[in-house]
């Protein structure tokens, strides 16, 4: 009988202290920077890409375990250099795809953008934009407008509208001329009623491009179509629902029965 394939790389990673055991290595699918590992700026930013820079692909049939960076520029990461020095070889620069070609490297570009927006570090995000993509940054802006920190008593989003506009300008996103049309490109408001009877009007953007989604959030908040509830989640306001229902009409009827202009 042939001897089973030995996971040489996995054994080496465990022996050198990069993972407690092979089971954890397979579950995590990455090497994480130890908390006591000294990282200078910008590598100390709260980005999952920077905290988990090395992807690990588990062995599969005849494919051995492999390592890969979640972004080529992570080659300069101090922890990556540390790992390479102890292993004695250069880690692949474009991820560690499995036998189906899937890698978490593209997802890590989204992590970098949304993690820094959620941490209130949009300036640092712009300073390290080479680790992500404009689409990821714009979707992170939309996410930051939609949700708020749990401890934020004002429930005003992870990013302010003024700062969101600065980010959009920095990535070259052009503000649309038709404000209401941009917001009406979202799916029609639909009521979601919780078990206790509370009403919620979630915002569904469908499959809109990142730029359209981000501008829709910004303009919708500015013009009162959306508002944050007490939990900090953005939803359709009564004004927004009425204006959406009015369509392209120059005026609409408010819930009170009073006519109003749609601008």
Protein backbone atom coordinates (compact mmCIF):
# COMPACT_ATOMS: atom_id res chain seq x y z
CA UNK A 1 0.00 0.00 0.00
CA UNK A 2 1.26 3.48 -0.86
CA UNK A 3 2.02 5.77 2.05
CA UNK A 4 -0.41 8.70 2.43
CA UNK A 5 0.77 12.10 1.26
CA UNK A 6 2.48 13.98 4.06
CA UNK A 7 1.44 17.60 4.63
CA UNK A 8 5.04 18.78 4.85
CA UNK A 9 4.20 22.50 4.74
CA UNK A 10 1.43 22.18 7.31
CA UNK A 11 3.69 20.31 9.69
CA UNK A 12 6.37 22.96 9.26
CA UNK A 13 3.90 25.78 9.98
CA UNK A 14 2.83 24.08 13.22
CA UNK A 15 6.39 23.29 14.29
CA UNK A 16 7.46 26.91 13.76
CA UNK A 17 4.55 28.20 15.82
CA UNK A 18 2.46 29.76 13.06
CA UNK A 19 -0.55 27.60 14.00
CA UNK A 20 -1.36 25.50 17.10
CA UNK A 21 -2.26 22.44 15.00
CA UNK A 22 -3.31 21.36 11.51
CA UNK A 23 -7.01 21.43 12.39
CA UNK A 24 -6.88 25.13 13.34
CA UNK A 25 -4.81 25.83 10.24
CA UNK A 26 -7.52 24.29 8.06
CA UNK A 27 -10.31 26.14 9.87
CA UNK A 28 -8.65 29.57 9.74
CA UNK A 29 -7.31 29.27 6.17
CA UNK A 30 -4.79 31.99 7.01
CA UNK A 31 -1.81 32.96 9.13
CA UNK A 32 -2.64 35.74 11.58
CA UNK A 33 -0.23 38.32 12.94
CA UNK A 34 0.33 37.67 16.67
CA UNK A 35 -1.00 40.41 18.93
CA UNK A 36 2.45 41.03 20.40
CA UNK A 37 4.12 41.33 16.98
CA UNK A 38 5.32 44.91 16.55
CA UNK A 39 3.90 46.55 13.44
CA UNK A 40 4.79 50.06 12.27
CA UNK A 41 2.40 52.25 10.27
CA UNK A 42 0.56 51.58 8.04
CA UNK A 43 0.64 47.87 8.89
CA UNK A 44 -0.89 48.50 12.33
CA UNK A 45 -4.18 49.72 10.84
CA UNK A 46 -7.33 47.75 11.86
CA UNK A 47 -7.62 46.01 8.49
CA UNK A 48 -8.23 42.27 8.22
CA UNK A 49 -5.97 42.27 5.18
CA UNK A 50 -3.12 43.53 7.37
CA UNK A 51 -3.99 41.25 10.32
CA UNK A 52 -4.35 38.11 8.17
CA UNK A 53 -2.03 38.80 5.23
CA UNK A 54 -1.23 35.20 4.30
CA UNK A 55 -3.86 32.88 2.85
CA UNK A 56 -3.49 29.14 3.45
CA UNK A 57 -5.05 26.59 1.11
CA UNK A 58 -5.52 23.17 2.72
CA UNK A 59 -4.38 20.00 0.93
CA UNK A 60 -6.97 18.55 -1.43
CA UNK A 61 -6.50 15.18 -3.16
CA UNK A 62 -3.18 15.48 -4.99
CA UNK A 63 -2.88 19.24 -4.43
CA UNK A 64 -0.52 20.01 -1.52
CA UNK A 65 -1.00 22.82 0.98
CA UNK A 66 -0.07 26.22 -0.41
CA UNK A 67 0.48 29.75 0.87
CA UNK A 68 -0.25 33.04 -0.88
CA UNK A 69 -0.42 36.74 -0.07
CA UNK A 70 -3.85 38.34 -0.12
CA UNK A 71 -2.34 41.24 -2.06
CA UNK A 72 1.01 41.46 -3.89
CA UNK A 73 1.97 44.64 -1.97
CA UNK A 74 1.83 42.65 1.26
CA UNK A 75 5.30 41.42 0.34
CA UNK A 76 6.58 44.42 2.36
CA UNK A 77 4.51 43.50 5.43
CA UNK A 78 6.90 42.89 8.38
CA UNK A 79 5.11 39.69 9.39
CA UNK A 80 5.22 38.34 5.85
CA UNK A 81 8.96 38.93 5.78
CA UNK A 82 9.24 37.19 9.16
CA UNK A 83 7.36 34.13 7.93
CA UNK A 84 9.36 33.95 4.70
CA UNK A 85 12.63 34.16 6.64
CA UNK A 86 11.68 31.24 8.90
CA UNK A 87 10.27 29.11 6.07
CA UNK A 88 13.12 29.86 3.72
CA UNK A 89 11.09 30.59 0.59
CA UNK A 90 9.09 33.40 -1.04
CA UNK A 91 5.33 33.21 -0.58
CA UNK A 92 3.24 33.40 -3.76
CA UNK A 93 2.12 36.98 -4.37
CA UNK A 94 -1.39 36.38 -5.76
CA UNK A 95 -3.19 34.33 -3.15
CA UNK A 96 -3.48 30.61 -2.64
CA UNK A 97 -6.42 29.47 -4.80
CA UNK A 98 -7.94 26.06 -4.25
CA UNK A 99 -8.35 23.47 -7.00
CA UNK A 100 -11.44 25.30 -8.21
CA UNK A 101 -9.50 28.55 -8.58
CA UNK A 102 -11.14 30.30 -5.62
CA UNK A 103 -9.05 32.60 -3.42
CA UNK A 104 -10.01 35.02 -0.64
CA UNK A 105 -7.54 37.60 -1.99
CA UNK A 106 -10.22 39.62 -3.88
CA UNK A 107 -12.46 39.60 -0.79
CA UNK A 108 -9.58 40.97 1.30
CA UNK A 109 -9.66 44.15 -0.79
CA UNK A 110 -13.22 44.69 0.41
CA UNK A 111 -12.16 43.94 3.99
CA UNK A 112 -9.51 46.64 3.84
CA UNK A 113 -11.97 49.29 2.67
CA UNK A 114 -14.90 48.48 4.95
CA UNK A 115 -12.75 47.82 8.05
CA UNK A 116 -11.14 51.25 7.86
CA UNK A 117 -14.45 53.01 7.19
CA UNK A 118 -15.98 51.27 10.20
CA UNK A 119 -12.97 52.30 12.30
CA UNK A 120 -13.44 55.93 11.32
CA UNK A 121 -10.14 55.90 9.44
CA UNK A 122 -11.26 57.01 5.99
CA UNK A 123 -8.18 59.20 5.61
CA UNK A 124 -5.95 56.19 6.24
CA UNK A 125 -8.02 54.25 3.74
CA UNK A 126 -7.32 56.84 1.07
CA UNK A 127 -3.64 56.79 2.02
CA UNK A 128 -3.54 53.00 1.51
CA UNK A 129 -5.97 52.78 -1.41
CA UNK A 130 -3.43 50.77 -3.43
CA UNK A 131 -4.43 47.76 -1.31
CA UNK A 132 -8.04 47.93 -2.46
CA UNK A 133 -10.10 49.13 -5.44
CA UNK A 134 -12.37 52.16 -6.08
CA UNK A 135 -15.43 49.90 -6.23
CA UNK A 136 -14.63 48.45 -2.80
CA UNK A 137 -14.11 51.93 -1.38
CA UNK A 138 -17.44 53.17 -2.74
CA UNK A 139 -19.31 50.15 -1.41
CA UNK A 140 -17.63 50.74 1.95
CA UNK A 141 -18.94 54.31 1.86
CA UNK A 142 -22.45 52.98 1.22
CA UNK A 143 -22.01 50.50 4.10
CA UNK A 144 -20.79 53.28 6.39
CA UNK A 145 -23.82 55.40 5.56
CA UNK A 146 -26.21 52.48 6.12
CA UNK A 147 -24.98 51.25 9.52
CA UNK A 148 -23.84 52.85 12.78
CA UNK A 149 -21.65 51.96 15.74
CA UNK A 150 -23.52 50.29 18.59
CA UNK A 151 -22.23 52.90 21.03
CA UNK A 152 -23.22 55.81 18.79
CA UNK A 153 -26.17 57.39 20.58
CA UNK A 154 -26.77 59.70 17.62
CA UNK A 155 -27.04 56.68 15.27
CA UNK A 156 -25.62 58.68 12.41
CA UNK A 157 -23.63 56.06 10.50
CA UNK A 158 -20.02 54.92 10.52
CA UNK A 159 -19.13 57.83 8.25
CA UNK A 160 -20.61 61.31 8.07
CA UNK A 161 -22.08 62.58 4.83
CA UNK A 162 -19.42 65.30 4.63
CA UNK A 163 -16.65 62.72 4.93
CA UNK A 164 -18.41 60.34 2.55
CA UNK A 165 -18.40 63.09 -0.06
CA UNK A 166 -14.66 63.63 0.48
CA UNK A 167 -13.99 59.94 -0.12
CA UNK A 168 -16.15 59.85 -3.25
CA UNK A 169 -14.35 62.90 -4.59
CA UNK A 170 -10.95 61.35 -3.85
CA UNK A 171 -11.75 58.22 -5.89
CA UNK A 172 -13.07 60.28 -8.80
CA UNK A 173 -16.77 59.48 -8.40
CA UNK A 174 -18.88 62.07 -10.23
CA UNK A 175 -22.03 63.21 -8.45
CA UNK A 176 -25.15 62.50 -10.52
CA UNK A 177 -27.19 65.46 -11.71
CA UNK A 178 -30.63 63.90 -11.11
CA UNK A 179 -30.79 63.46 -7.34
CA UNK A 180 -34.26 61.92 -7.08
CA UNK A 181 -33.72 59.62 -10.07
CA UNK A 182 -30.57 58.28 -8.40
CA UNK A 183 -32.53 57.29 -5.30
CA UNK A 184 -35.51 55.90 -7.24
CA UNK A 185 -33.09 53.48 -8.94
CA UNK A 186 -33.25 51.59 -5.63
CA UNK A 187 -35.93 48.93 -5.19
CA UNK A 188 -39.35 50.19 -4.12
CA UNK A 189 -39.84 50.53 -0.35
CA UNK A 190 -41.30 47.39 1.19
CA UNK A 191 -42.56 47.01 4.76
CA UNK A 192 -40.85 44.52 7.06
CA UNK A 193 -42.79 43.96 10.29
CA UNK A 194 -41.03 42.35 13.23
CA UNK A 195 -42.63 39.87 15.62
CA UNK A 196 -43.33 42.56 18.21
CA UNK A 197 -45.13 44.62 15.61
CA UNK A 198 -42.42 47.23 14.98
CA UNK A 199 -42.26 48.42 11.39
CA UNK A 200 -39.07 48.67 9.40
CA UNK A 201 -38.55 49.87 5.85
CA UNK A 202 -35.23 48.35 4.69
CA UNK A 203 -33.35 49.84 1.74
CA UNK A 204 -32.72 47.38 -1.07
CA UNK A 205 -30.27 48.58 -3.71
CA UNK A 206 -30.51 45.50 -5.89
CA UNK A 207 -27.54 45.02 -8.24
CA UNK A 208 -26.67 48.66 -8.73
CA UNK A 209 -23.04 49.61 -9.45
CA UNK A 210 -21.03 50.66 -6.39
CA UNK A 211 -20.94 54.32 -7.44
CA UNK A 212 -24.72 54.50 -7.87
CA UNK A 213 -25.30 52.79 -4.54
CA UNK A 214 -22.99 55.12 -2.63
CA UNK A 215 -24.39 58.29 -4.20
CA UNK A 216 -27.93 57.05 -3.59
CA UNK A 217 -27.18 56.65 0.12
CA UNK A 218 -25.53 60.07 0.36
CA UNK A 219 -28.26 61.93 -1.52
CA UNK A 220 -31.04 59.98 0.19
CA UNK A 221 -29.79 61.00 3.62
CA UNK A 222 -29.22 64.61 2.57
CA UNK A 223 -32.69 64.96 1.05
CA UNK A 224 -34.55 63.12 3.82
CA UNK A 225 -35.52 60.01 1.85
CA UNK A 226 -33.69 57.87 4.41
CA UNK A 227 -33.23 58.11 8.17
CA UNK A 228 -31.47 56.06 10.82
CA UNK A 229 -33.69 54.27 13.31
CA UNK A 230 -32.86 54.10 17.03
CA UNK A 231 -30.68 51.04 16.47
CA UNK A 232 -28.60 52.92 13.90
CA UNK A 233 -29.88 51.17 10.77
CA UNK A 234 -30.75 53.30 7.76
CA UNK A 235 -34.27 52.87 6.40
CA UNK A 236 -36.81 54.62 4.20
CA UNK A 237 -38.42 57.60 5.89
CA UNK A 238 -42.10 58.43 5.48
CA UNK A 239 -41.06 61.33 3.26
CA UNK A 240 -38.93 59.03 1.13
CA UNK A 241 -41.71 56.47 0.70
CA UNK A 242 -44.13 59.19 -0.39
CA UNK A 243 -41.66 60.70 -2.85
CA UNK A 244 -40.76 57.29 -4.27
CA UNK A 245 -44.43 56.54 -4.86
CA UNK A 246 -44.84 59.90 -6.62
CA UNK A 247 -42.35 58.82 -9.28
CA UNK A 248 -41.42 61.56 -11.73
CA UNK A 249 -44.30 63.76 -10.67
CA UNK A 250 -43.39 67.35 -9.74
CA UNK A 251 -45.55 67.04 -6.63
CA UNK A 252 -46.83 64.38 -4.27
CA UNK A 253 -49.36 63.99 -1.48
CA UNK A 254 -48.04 63.65 2.05
CA UNK A 255 -49.52 61.21 4.54
CA UNK A 256 -51.29 64.18 6.12
CA UNK A 257 -53.12 64.77 2.83
CA UNK A 258 -51.24 67.98 2.07
CA UNK A 259 -49.71 68.42 -1.38
CA UNK A 260 -45.94 69.02 -1.58
CA UNK A 261 -43.37 69.60 -4.29
CA UNK A 262 -40.98 66.73 -5.05
CA UNK A 263 -37.69 68.63 -4.69
